[in-house]
Amino acid sequence: MSEIEFNNGFLIAIALFLEHKSKEIYEDYPALLMSGAKDHLYDLQIPISLSKKLKNRILKAQKEVLDIDTMKDLKVEDISKYFTEFEDILIEVDKELFGYNPEVYYR
C-alpha cells in the first residue's frame, strides 16, 4: 500500500481543495494558495459508479490543477476557474448519484 501524504478519497479531497478558496490569502497570494490547495488532489479517488463522461471531466480538471506552475506569477483569474469547475463537478455528482438538482446561489 502506498503512503498518502495529504489525503485520498473523493468528496473529502475535493472539499479540502475547495476550502482553500475561502482562505484570506486567495486575493493576495494566489500562487501560494494554489500550491497548498492542489496537494489535496494528488491521491483523488474517483468513484467507479460515476459515468465515463463525468470521470473524464474529473480527471481533466485534476490534471489541469496538478499541472499549474505555482512558481510563476498567478492571478486570481488564473486559478478561480478551477475552484468553479470542481464546484460544478460536485453538482453533477449530486445529480448523477443521488438524483438531486441542487441550486447554488452563492459561491
PDB file of N, CA and C in Angstrom:
ATOM      1  N   MET A   1       0.846  -1.189   0.000  1.00  0.00           N
ATOM      2  CA  MET A   1       0.000   0.000   0.000  1.00  0.00           C
ATOM      3  C   MET A   1       0.885   1.244   0.000  1.00  0.00           C
ATOM      4  N   SER A   2       0.574   2.186  -0.880  1.00  0.00           N
ATOM      5  CA  SER A   2       1.390   3.402  -0.952  1.00  0.00           C
ATOM      6  C   SER A   2       1.038   4.347   0.192  1.00  0.00           C
ATOM      7  N   GLU A   3       1.979   5.183   0.506  1.00  0.00           N
ATOM      8  CA  GLU A   3       1.779   6.140   1.580  1.00  0.00           C
ATOM      9  C   GLU A   3       1.095   7.389   1.033  1.00  0.00           C
ATOM     10  N   ILE A   4       0.058   7.825   1.702  1.00  0.00           N
ATOM     11  CA  ILE A   4      -0.685   9.026   1.311  1.00  0.00           C
ATOM     12  C   ILE A   4      -0.091  10.204   2.084  1.00  0.00           C
ATOM     13  N   GLU A   5       0.317  11.239   1.357  1.00  0.00           N
ATOM     14  CA  GLU A   5       0.957  12.375   2.032  1.00  0.00           C
ATOM     15  C   GLU A   5      -0.057  13.338   2.651  1.00  0.00           C
ATOM     16  N   PHE A   6      -1.164  13.603   1.941  1.00  0.00           N
ATOM     17  CA  PHE A   6      -2.137  14.575   2.449  1.00  0.00           C
ATOM     18  C   PHE A   6      -3.480  13.919   2.735  1.00  0.00           C
ATOM     19  N   ASN A   7      -4.094  13.361   1.741  1.00  0.00           N
ATOM     20  CA  ASN A   7      -5.390  12.707   1.877  1.00  0.00           C
ATOM     21  C   ASN A   7      -5.670  11.921   0.615  1.00  0.00           C
ATOM     22  N   ASN A   8      -6.659  11.054   0.689  1.00  0.00           N
ATOM     23  CA  ASN A   8      -7.192  10.436  -0.506  1.00  0.00           C
ATOM     24  C   ASN A   8      -8.702  10.562  -0.403  1.00  0.00           C
ATOM     25  N   GLY A   9      -9.436   9.695  -1.061  1.00  0.00           N
ATOM     26  CA  GLY A   9     -10.884   9.821  -1.052  1.00  0.00           C
ATOM     27  C   GLY A   9     -11.342  10.692  -2.206  1.00  0.00           C
ATOM     28  N   PHE A  10     -12.623  10.901  -2.271  1.00  0.00           N
ATOM     29  CA  PHE A  10     -13.190  11.719  -3.342  1.00  0.00           C
ATOM     30  C   PHE A  10     -13.807  12.993  -2.773  1.00  0.00           C
ATOM     31  N   LEU A  11     -14.901  12.849  -2.032  1.00  0.00           N
ATOM     32  CA  LEU A  11     -15.566  14.047  -1.513  1.00  0.00           C
ATOM     33  C   LEU A  11     -14.667  14.839  -0.577  1.00  0.00           C
ATOM     34  N   ILE A  12     -13.970  14.153   0.315  1.00  0.00           N
ATOM     35  CA  ILE A  12     -13.101  14.874   1.249  1.00  0.00           C
ATOM     36  C   ILE A  12     -11.961  15.573   0.515  1.00  0.00           C
ATOM     37  N   ALA A  13     -11.420  14.947  -0.512  1.00  0.00           N
ATOM     38  CA  ALA A  13     -10.331  15.567  -1.266  1.00  0.00           C
ATOM     39  C   ALA A  13     -10.802  16.854  -1.941  1.00  0.00           C
ATOM     40  N   ILE A  14     -11.967  16.789  -2.565  1.00  0.00           N
ATOM     41  CA  ILE A  14     -12.489  17.988  -3.235  1.00  0.00           C
ATOM     42  C   ILE A  14     -12.886  19.043  -2.208  1.00  0.00           C
ATOM     43  N   ALA A  15     -13.473  18.620  -1.099  1.00  0.00           N
ATOM     44  CA  ALA A  15     -13.845  19.585  -0.046  1.00  0.00           C
ATOM     45  C   ALA A  15     -12.611  20.308   0.495  1.00  0.00           C
ATOM     46  N   LEU A  16     -11.543  19.568   0.738  1.00  0.00           N
ATOM     47  CA  LEU A  16     -10.314  20.195   1.241  1.00  0.00           C
ATOM     48  C   LEU A  16      -9.699  21.118   0.199  1.00  0.00           C
ATOM     49  N   PHE A  17      -9.759  20.715  -1.070  1.00  0.00           N
ATOM     50  CA  PHE A  17      -9.289  21.580  -2.158  1.00  0.00           C
ATOM     51  C   PHE A  17     -10.095  22.883  -2.178  1.00  0.00           C
ATOM     52  N   LEU A  18     -11.420  22.761  -2.145  1.00  0.00           N
ATOM     53  CA  LEU A  18     -12.281  23.943  -2.223  1.00  0.00           C
ATOM     54  C   LEU A  18     -12.184  24.831  -0.986  1.00  0.00           C
ATOM     55  N   GLU A  19     -11.822  24.251   0.134  1.00  0.00           N
ATOM     56  CA  GLU A  19     -11.673  25.034   1.356  1.00  0.00           C
ATOM     57  C   GLU A  19     -10.647  26.149   1.181  1.00  0.00           C
ATOM     58  N   HIS A  20      -9.667  25.925   0.343  1.00  0.00           N
ATOM     59  CA  HIS A  20      -8.630  26.936   0.118  1.00  0.00           C
ATOM     60  C   HIS A  20      -9.181  28.188  -0.567  1.00  0.00           C
ATOM     61  N   LYS A  21     -10.301  28.051  -1.257  1.00  0.00           N
ATOM     62  CA  LYS A  21     -10.908  29.202  -1.931  1.00  0.00           C
ATOM     63  C   LYS A  21     -11.295  30.285  -0.931  1.00  0.00           C
ATOM     64  N   SER A  22     -11.621  29.893   0.278  1.00  0.00           N
ATOM     65  CA  SER A  22     -12.069  30.866   1.276  1.00  0.00           C
ATOM     66  C   SER A  22     -10.934  31.419   2.129  1.00  0.00           C
ATOM     67  N   LYS A  23      -9.724  30.992   1.869  1.00  0.00           N
ATOM     68  CA  LYS A  23      -8.586  31.499   2.645  1.00  0.00           C
ATOM     69  C   LYS A  23      -8.334  32.970   2.327  1.00  0.00           C
ATOM     70  N   GLU A  24      -7.918  33.710   3.306  1.00  0.00           N
ATOM     71  CA  GLU A  24      -7.687  35.149   3.128  1.00  0.00           C
ATOM     72  C   GLU A  24      -6.564  35.460   2.156  1.00  0.00           C
ATOM     73  N   ILE A  25      -5.631  34.544   1.979  1.00  0.00           N
ATOM     74  CA  ILE A  25      -4.512  34.820   1.071  1.00  0.00           C
ATOM     75  C   ILE A  25      -4.910  34.658  -0.393  1.00  0.00           C
ATOM     76  N   TYR A  26      -6.133  34.221  -0.643  1.00  0.00           N
ATOM     77  CA  TYR A  26      -6.594  33.965  -2.012  1.00  0.00           C
ATOM     78  C   TYR A  26      -6.326  35.134  -2.943  1.00  0.00           C
ATOM     79  N   GLU A  27      -6.705  36.319  -2.533  1.00  0.00           N
ATOM     80  CA  GLU A  27      -6.566  37.503  -3.388  1.00  0.00           C
ATOM     81  C   GLU A  27      -5.116  38.000  -3.449  1.00  0.00           C
ATOM     82  N   ASP A  28      -4.394  37.906  -2.346  1.00  0.00           N
ATOM     83  CA  ASP A  28      -3.045  38.470  -2.297  1.00  0.00           C
ATOM     84  C   ASP A  28      -1.960  37.531  -2.813  1.00  0.00           C
ATOM     85  N   TYR A  29      -2.134  36.250  -2.599  1.00  0.00           N
ATOM     86  CA  TYR A  29      -1.092  35.278  -2.974  1.00  0.00           C
ATOM     87  C   TYR A  29      -1.713  34.042  -3.630  1.00  0.00           C
ATOM     88  N   PRO A  30      -2.316  34.208  -4.820  1.00  0.00           N
ATOM     89  CA  PRO A  30      -2.995  33.067  -5.443  1.00  0.00           C
ATOM     90  C   PRO A  30      -2.080  31.884  -5.742  1.00  0.00           C
ATOM     91  N   ALA A  31      -0.817  32.125  -6.059  1.00  0.00           N
ATOM     92  CA  ALA A  31       0.100  31.011  -6.337  1.00  0.00           C
ATOM     93  C   ALA A  31       0.356  30.192  -5.076  1.00  0.00           C
ATOM     94  N   LEU A  32       0.556  30.862  -3.968  1.00  0.00           N
ATOM     95  CA  LEU A  32       0.766  30.180  -2.693  1.00  0.00           C
ATOM     96  C   LEU A  32      -0.482  29.393  -2.305  1.00  0.00           C
ATOM     97  N   LEU A  33      -1.624  30.006  -2.486  1.00  0.00           N
ATOM     98  CA  LEU A  33      -2.877  29.337  -2.169  1.00  0.00           C
ATOM     99  C   LEU A  33      -3.057  28.084  -3.023  1.00  0.00           C
ATOM    100  N   MET A  34      -2.809  28.189  -4.323  1.00  0.00           N
ATOM    101  CA  MET A  34      -2.995  27.037  -5.206  1.00  0.00           C
ATOM    102  C   MET A  34      -1.976  25.947  -4.908  1.00  0.00           C
ATOM    103  N   SER A  35      -0.791  26.336  -4.489  1.00  0.00           N
ATOM    104  CA  SER A  35       0.225  25.359  -4.126  1.00  0.00           C
ATOM    105  C   SER A  35      -0.286  24.467  -2.996  1.00  0.00           C
ATOM    106  N   GLY A  36      -0.931  25.062  -2.021  1.00  0.00           N
ATOM    107  CA  GLY A  36      -1.488  24.282  -0.910  1.00  0.00           C
ATOM    108  C   GLY A  36      -2.760  23.558  -1.288  1.00  0.00           C
ATOM    109  N   ALA A  37      -3.576  24.163  -2.116  1.00  0.00           N
ATOM    110  CA  ALA A  37      -4.864  23.572  -2.488  1.00  0.00           C
ATOM    111  C   ALA A  37      -4.691  22.317  -3.331  1.00  0.00           C
ATOM    112  N   LYS A  38      -3.792  22.377  -4.289  1.00  0.00           N
ATOM    113  CA  LYS A  38      -3.671  21.256  -5.226  1.00  0.00           C
ATOM    114  C   LYS A  38      -3.126  19.989  -4.578  1.00  0.00           C
ATOM    115  N   ASP A  39      -2.463  20.133  -3.425  1.00  0.00           N
ATOM    116  CA  ASP A  39      -1.965  18.955  -2.713  1.00  0.00           C
ATOM    117  C   ASP A  39      -3.087  17.960  -2.404  1.00  0.00           C
ATOM    118  N   HIS A  40      -4.297  18.459  -2.224  1.00  0.00           N
ATOM    119  CA  HIS A  40      -5.427  17.600  -1.855  1.00  0.00           C
ATOM    120  C   HIS A  40      -5.933  16.754  -3.025  1.00  0.00           C
ATOM    121  N   LEU A  41      -5.466  17.025  -4.225  1.00  0.00           N
ATOM    122  CA  LEU A  41      -5.955  16.292  -5.400  1.00  0.00           C
ATOM    123  C   LEU A  41      -4.991  15.221  -5.892  1.00  0.00           C
ATOM    124  N   TYR A  42      -3.811  15.126  -5.305  1.00  0.00           N
ATOM    125  CA  TYR A  42      -2.821  14.145  -5.783  1.00  0.00           C
ATOM    126  C   TYR A  42      -3.335  12.712  -5.716  1.00  0.00           C
ATOM    127  N   ASP A  43      -3.991  12.356  -4.639  1.00  0.00           N
ATOM    128  CA  ASP A  43      -4.452  10.982  -4.454  1.00  0.00           C
ATOM    129  C   ASP A  43      -5.972  10.882  -4.541  1.00  0.00           C
ATOM    130  N   LEU A  44      -6.566  11.734  -5.361  1.00  0.00           N
ATOM    131  CA  LEU A  44      -8.013  11.739  -5.563  1.00  0.00           C
ATOM    132  C   LEU A  44      -8.481  10.377  -6.066  1.00  0.00           C
ATOM    133  N   GLN A  45      -9.491   9.834  -5.417  1.00  0.00           N
ATOM    134  CA  GLN A  45     -10.063   8.545  -5.810  1.00  0.00           C
ATOM    135  C   GLN A  45     -11.434   8.806  -6.437  1.00  0.00           C
ATOM    136  N   ILE A  46     -11.573   8.466  -7.699  1.00  0.00           N
ATOM    137  CA  ILE A  46     -12.820   8.735  -8.418  1.00  0.00           C
ATOM    138  C   ILE A  46     -13.737   7.525  -8.294  1.00  0.00           C
ATOM    139  N   PRO A  47     -14.969   7.725  -7.830  1.00  0.00           N
ATOM    140  CA  PRO A  47     -15.901   6.604  -7.657  1.00  0.00           C
ATOM    141  C   PRO A  47     -16.153   5.864  -8.974  1.00  0.00           C
ATOM    142  N   ILE A  48     -16.118   4.551  -8.904  1.00  0.00           N
ATOM    143  CA  ILE A  48     -16.321   3.740 -10.106  1.00  0.00           C
ATOM    144  C   ILE A  48     -17.754   3.833 -10.613  1.00  0.00           C
ATOM    145  N   SER A  49     -18.678   4.244  -9.760  1.00  0.00           N
ATOM    146  CA  SER A  49     -20.084   4.305 -10.153  1.00  0.00           C
ATOM    147  C   SER A  49     -20.434   5.539 -10.989  1.00  0.00           C
ATOM    148  N   LEU A  50     -19.495   6.461 -11.170  1.00  0.00           N
ATOM    149  CA  LEU A  50     -19.764   7.649 -11.978  1.00  0.00           C
ATOM    150  C   LEU A  50     -19.714   7.303 -13.465  1.00  0.00           C
ATOM    151  N   SER A  51     -20.420   8.082 -14.253  1.00  0.00           N
ATOM    152  CA  SER A  51     -20.398   7.878 -15.706  1.00  0.00           C
ATOM    153  C   SER A  51     -18.999   8.155 -16.251  1.00  0.00           C
ATOM    154  N   LYS A  52     -18.714   7.567 -17.385  1.00  0.00           N
ATOM    155  CA  LYS A  52     -17.415   7.777 -18.027  1.00  0.00           C
ATOM    156  C   LYS A  52     -17.207   9.257 -18.345  1.00  0.00           C
ATOM    157  N   LYS A  53     -18.255   9.921 -18.780  1.00  0.00           N
ATOM    158  CA  LYS A  53     -18.159  11.345 -19.118  1.00  0.00           C
ATOM    159  C   LYS A  53     -17.749  12.171 -17.889  1.00  0.00           C
ATOM    160  N   LEU A  54     -18.380  11.896 -16.754  1.00  0.00           N
ATOM    161  CA  LEU A  54     -18.058  12.646 -15.545  1.00  0.00           C
ATOM    162  C   LEU A  54     -16.670  12.271 -15.025  1.00  0.00           C
ATOM    163  N   LYS A  55     -16.310  10.998 -15.093  1.00  0.00           N
ATOM    164  CA  LYS A  55     -14.960  10.587 -14.686  1.00  0.00           C
ATOM    165  C   LYS A  55     -13.906  11.314 -15.516  1.00  0.00           C
ATOM    166  N   ASN A  56     -14.131  11.382 -16.810  1.00  0.00           N
ATOM    167  CA  ASN A  56     -13.170  12.072 -17.686  1.00  0.00           C
ATOM    168  C   ASN A  56     -13.079  13.554 -17.360  1.00  0.00           C
ATOM    169  N   ARG A  57     -14.205  14.153 -17.036  1.00  0.00           N
ATOM    170  CA  ARG A  57     -14.212  15.578 -16.652  1.00  0.00           C
ATOM    171  C   ARG A  57     -13.403  15.791 -15.375  1.00  0.00           C
ATOM    172  N   ILE A  58     -13.567  14.894 -14.432  1.00  0.00           N
ATOM    173  CA  ILE A  58     -12.825  14.988 -13.167  1.00  0.00           C
ATOM    174  C   ILE A  58     -11.333  14.800 -13.411  1.00  0.00           C
ATOM    175  N   LEU A  59     -10.985  13.797 -14.198  1.00  0.00           N
ATOM    176  CA  LEU A  59      -9.568  13.552 -14.498  1.00  0.00           C
ATOM    177  C   LEU A  59      -8.929  14.735 -15.206  1.00  0.00           C
ATOM    178  N   LYS A  60      -9.658  15.341 -16.122  1.00  0.00           N
ATOM    179  CA  LYS A  60      -9.145  16.510 -16.847  1.00  0.00           C
ATOM    180  C   LYS A  60      -8.910  17.673 -15.887  1.00  0.00           C
ATOM    181  N   ALA A  61      -9.885  17.949 -15.021  1.00  0.00           N
ATOM    182  CA  ALA A  61      -9.756  19.053 -14.061  1.00  0.00           C
ATOM    183  C   ALA A  61      -8.611  18.786 -13.090  1.00  0.00           C
ATOM    184  N   GLN A  62      -8.503  17.544 -12.618  1.00  0.00           N
ATOM    185  CA  GLN A  62      -7.419  17.184 -11.705  1.00  0.00           C
ATOM    186  C   GLN A  62      -6.065  17.410 -12.371  1.00  0.00           C
ATOM    187  N   LYS A  63      -5.915  16.940 -13.592  1.00  0.00           N
ATOM    188  CA  LYS A  63      -4.643  17.093 -14.308  1.00  0.00           C
ATOM    189  C   LYS A  63      -4.296  18.568 -14.503  1.00  0.00           C
ATOM    190  N   GLU A  64      -5.285  19.367 -14.896  1.00  0.00           N
ATOM    191  CA  GLU A  64      -5.027  20.790 -15.113  1.00  0.00           C
ATOM    192  C   GLU A  64      -4.568  21.469 -13.828  1.00  0.00           C
ATOM    193  N   VAL A  65      -5.196  21.139 -12.715  1.00  0.00           N
ATOM    194  CA  VAL A  65      -4.797  21.744 -11.440  1.00  0.00           C
ATOM    195  C   VAL A  65      -3.388  21.282 -11.048  1.00  0.00           C
ATOM    196  N   LEU A  66      -3.133  19.992 -11.162  1.00  0.00           N
ATOM    197  CA  LEU A  66      -1.817  19.483 -10.766  1.00  0.00           C
ATOM    198  C   LEU A  66      -0.702  19.999 -11.670  1.00  0.00           C
ATOM    199  N   ASP A  67      -1.050  20.386 -12.899  1.00  0.00           N
ATOM    200  CA  ASP A  67      -0.049  20.909 -13.833  1.00  0.00           C
ATOM    201  C   ASP A  67       0.211  22.413 -13.674  1.00  0.00           C
ATOM    202  N   ILE A  68      -0.525  23.076 -12.813  1.00  0.00           N
ATOM    203  CA  ILE A  68      -0.322  24.518 -12.623  1.00  0.00           C
ATOM    204  C   ILE A  68       1.068  24.765 -12.045  1.00  0.00           C
ATOM    205  N   ASP A  69       1.788  25.647 -12.672  1.00  0.00           N
ATOM    206  CA  ASP A  69       3.120  26.024 -12.197  1.00  0.00           C
ATOM    207  C   ASP A  69       2.954  27.117 -11.148  1.00  0.00           C
ATOM    208  N   THR A  70       3.022  26.735  -9.891  1.00  0.00           N
ATOM    209  CA  THR A  70       2.817  27.703  -8.811  1.00  0.00           C
ATOM    210  C   THR A  70       4.051  28.553  -8.540  1.00  0.00           C
ATOM    211  N   MET A  71       5.091  28.337  -9.331  1.00  0.00           N
ATOM    212  CA  MET A  71       6.283  29.169  -9.183  1.00  0.00           C
ATOM    213  C   MET A  71       6.179  30.438 -10.033  1.00  0.00           C
ATOM    214  N   LYS A  72       5.195  30.491 -10.926  1.00  0.00           N
ATOM    215  CA  LYS A  72       5.058  31.706 -11.718  1.00  0.00           C
ATOM    216  C   LYS A  72       4.028  32.625 -11.084  1.00  0.00           C
ATOM    217  N   ASP A  73       3.981  33.817 -11.565  1.00  0.00           N
ATOM    218  CA  ASP A  73       3.102  34.834 -11.007  1.00  0.00           C
ATOM    219  C   ASP A  73       1.672  34.580 -11.477  1.00  0.00           C
ATOM    220  N   LEU A  74       0.874  33.995 -10.618  1.00  0.00           N
ATOM    221  CA  LEU A  74      -0.518  33.699 -10.950  1.00  0.00           C
ATOM    222  C   LEU A  74      -1.425  34.805 -10.459  1.00  0.00           C
ATOM    223  N   LYS A  75      -2.512  34.983 -11.157  1.00  0.00           N
ATOM    224  CA  LYS A  75      -3.545  35.934 -10.748  1.00  0.00           C
ATOM    225  C   LYS A  75      -4.765  35.147 -10.293  1.00  0.00           C
ATOM    226  N   VAL A  76      -5.630  35.795  -9.547  1.00  0.00           N
ATOM    227  CA  VAL A  76      -6.848  35.150  -9.067  1.00  0.00           C
ATOM    228  C   VAL A  76      -7.628  34.556 -10.239  1.00  0.00           C
ATOM    229  N   GLU A  77      -7.687  35.295 -11.343  1.00  0.00           N
ATOM    230  CA  GLU A  77      -8.432  34.827 -12.516  1.00  0.00           C
ATOM    231  C   GLU A  77      -7.829  33.529 -13.068  1.00  0.00           C
ATOM    232  N   ASP A  78      -6.523  33.354 -12.900  1.00  0.00           N
ATOM    233  CA  ASP A  78      -5.843  32.163 -13.400  1.00  0.00           C
ATOM    234  C   ASP A  78      -6.298  30.897 -12.681  1.00  0.00           C
ATOM    235  N   ILE A  79      -6.674  31.025 -11.428  1.00  0.00           N
ATOM    236  CA  ILE A  79      -6.997  29.831 -10.643  1.00  0.00           C
ATOM    237  C   ILE A  79      -8.472  29.719 -10.262  1.00  0.00           C
ATOM    238  N   SER A  80      -9.222  30.805 -10.289  1.00  0.00           N
ATOM    239  CA  SER A  80     -10.615  30.751  -9.837  1.00  0.00           C
ATOM    240  C   SER A  80     -11.459  29.800 -10.680  1.00  0.00           C
ATOM    241  N   LYS A  81     -11.115  29.643 -11.952  1.00  0.00           N
ATOM    242  CA  LYS A  81     -11.884  28.749 -12.825  1.00  0.00           C
ATOM    243  C   LYS A  81     -11.801  27.297 -12.353  1.00  0.00           C
ATOM    244  N   TYR A  82     -10.716  26.934 -11.690  1.00  0.00           N
ATOM    245  CA  TYR A  82     -10.570  25.556 -11.208  1.00  0.00           C
ATOM    246  C   TYR A  82     -11.444  25.296  -9.987  1.00  0.00           C
ATOM    247  N   PHE A  83     -11.571  26.294  -9.129  1.00  0.00           N
ATOM    248  CA  PHE A  83     -12.482  26.144  -7.993  1.00  0.00           C
ATOM    249  C   PHE A  83     -13.919  26.012  -8.501  1.00  0.00           C
ATOM    250  N   THR A  84     -14.280  26.844  -9.466  1.00  0.00           N
ATOM    251  CA  THR A  84     -15.624  26.771 -10.055  1.00  0.00           C
ATOM    252  C   THR A  84     -15.855  25.425 -10.718  1.00  0.00           C
ATOM    253  N   GLU A  85     -14.872  24.908 -11.439  1.00  0.00           N
ATOM    254  CA  GLU A  85     -15.024  23.613 -12.103  1.00  0.00           C
ATOM    255  C   GLU A  85     -15.272  22.499 -11.093  1.00  0.00           C
ATOM    256  N   PHE A  86     -14.548  22.490  -9.991  1.00  0.00           N
ATOM    257  CA  PHE A  86     -14.767  21.432  -9.002  1.00  0.00           C
ATOM    258  C   PHE A  86     -16.092  21.614  -8.264  1.00  0.00           C
ATOM    259  N   GLU A  87     -16.555  22.841  -8.087  1.00  0.00           N
ATOM    260  CA  GLU A  87     -17.901  23.048  -7.544  1.00  0.00           C
ATOM    261  C   GLU A  87     -18.945  22.493  -8.515  1.00  0.00           C
ATOM    262  N   ASP A  88     -18.758  22.772  -9.799  1.00  0.00           N
ATOM    263  CA  ASP A  88     -19.679  22.259 -10.820  1.00  0.00           C
ATOM    264  C   ASP A  88     -19.652  20.735 -10.888  1.00  0.00           C
ATOM    265  N   ILE A  89     -18.479  20.160 -10.703  1.00  0.00           N
ATOM    266  CA  ILE A  89     -18.357  18.693 -10.679  1.00  0.00           C
ATOM    267  C   ILE A  89     -19.176  18.116  -9.524  1.00  0.00           C
ATOM    268  N   LEU A  90     -19.104  18.727  -8.358  1.00  0.00           N
ATOM    269  CA  LEU A  90     -19.884  18.229  -7.222  1.00  0.00           C
ATOM    270  C   LEU A  90     -21.381  18.337  -7.479  1.00  0.00           C
ATOM    271  N   ILE A  91     -21.800  19.372  -8.185  1.00  0.00           N
ATOM    272  CA  ILE A  91     -23.212  19.499  -8.557  1.00  0.00           C
ATOM    273  C   ILE A  91     -23.608  18.344  -9.474  1.00  0.00           C
ATOM    274  N   GLU A  92     -22.750  18.011 -10.416  1.00  0.00           N
ATOM    275  CA  GLU A  92     -23.028  16.886 -11.322  1.00  0.00           C
ATOM    276  C   GLU A  92     -23.052  15.556 -10.576  1.00  0.00           C
ATOM    277  N   VAL A  93     -22.195  15.404  -9.581  1.00  0.00           N
ATOM    278  CA  VAL A  93     -22.201  14.189  -8.766  1.00  0.00           C
ATOM    279  C   VAL A  93     -23.523  14.085  -8.009  1.00  0.00           C
ATOM    280  N   ASP A  94     -23.992  15.201  -7.447  1.00  0.00           N
ATOM    281  CA  ASP A  94     -25.298  15.215  -6.778  1.00  0.00           C
ATOM    282  C   ASP A  94     -26.405  14.745  -7.722  1.00  0.00           C
ATOM    283  N   LYS A  95     -26.371  15.235  -8.941  1.00  0.00           N
ATOM    284  CA  LYS A  95     -27.386  14.851  -9.923  1.00  0.00           C
ATOM    285  C   LYS A  95     -27.280  13.382 -10.293  1.00  0.00           C
ATOM    286  N   GLU A  96     -26.060  12.959 -10.604  1.00  0.00           N
ATOM    287  CA  GLU A  96     -25.847  11.613 -11.136  1.00  0.00           C
ATOM    288  C   GLU A  96     -26.015  10.518 -10.085  1.00  0.00           C
ATOM    289  N   LEU A  97     -25.466  10.708  -8.918  1.00  0.00           N
ATOM    290  CA  LEU A  97     -25.506   9.655  -7.907  1.00  0.00           C
ATOM    291  C   LEU A  97     -26.754   9.686  -7.030  1.00  0.00           C
ATOM    292  N   PHE A  98     -27.249  10.889  -6.774  1.00  0.00           N
ATOM    293  CA  PHE A  98     -28.334  10.999  -5.803  1.00  0.00           C
ATOM    294  C   PHE A  98     -29.658  11.483  -6.389  1.00  0.00           C
ATOM    295  N   GLY A  99     -29.645  11.882  -7.656  1.00  0.00           N
ATOM    296  CA  GLY A  99     -30.867  12.359  -8.284  1.00  0.00           C
ATOM    297  C   GLY A  99     -31.299  13.743  -7.823  1.00  0.00           C
ATOM    298  N   TYR A 100     -30.403  14.472  -7.193  1.00  0.00           N
ATOM    299  CA  TYR A 100     -30.704  15.827  -6.738  1.00  0.00           C
ATOM    300  C   TYR A 100     -30.496  16.813  -7.879  1.00  0.00           C
ATOM    301  N   ASN A 101     -31.139  17.939  -7.767  1.00  0.00           N
ATOM    302  CA  ASN A 101     -30.924  19.037  -8.706  1.00  0.00           C
ATOM    303  C   ASN A 101     -30.588  20.278  -7.877  1.00  0.00           C
ATOM    304  N   PRO A 102     -29.365  20.335  -7.355  1.00  0.00           N
ATOM    305  CA  PRO A 102     -29.016  21.417  -6.429  1.00  0.00           C
ATOM    306  C   PRO A 102     -29.044  22.782  -7.098  1.00  0.00           C
ATOM    307  N   GLU A 103     -29.482  23.745  -6.313  1.00  0.00           N
ATOM    308  CA  GLU A 103     -29.448  25.147  -6.743  1.00  0.00           C
ATOM    309  C   GLU A 103     -28.446  25.856  -5.836  1.00  0.00           C
ATOM    310  N   VAL A 104     -27.481  26.510  -6.447  1.00  0.00           N
ATOM    311  CA  VAL A 104     -26.435  27.199  -5.703  1.00  0.00           C
ATOM    312  C   VAL A 104     -26.533  28.679  -6.037  1.00  0.00           C
ATOM    313  N   TYR A 105     -26.815  29.488  -5.026  1.00  0.00           N
ATOM    314  CA  TYR A 105     -26.998  30.922  -5.257  1.00  0.00           C
ATOM    315  C   TYR A 105     -25.802  31.750  -4.820  1.00  0.00           C
ATOM    316  N   TYR A 106     -24.881  31.143  -4.115  1.00  0.00           N
ATOM    317  CA  TYR A 106     -23.728  31.891  -3.638  1.00  0.00           C
ATOM    318  C   TYR A 106     -22.485  31.029  -3.776  1.00  0.00           C
ATOM    319  N   ARG A 107     -21.459  31.582  -4.384  1.00  0.00           N
ATOM    320  CA  ARG A 107     -20.181  30.878  -4.490  1.00  0.00           C
ATOM    321  C   ARG A 107     -19.078  31.813  -4.088  1.00  0.00           C
TER     322      ARG A 107
END
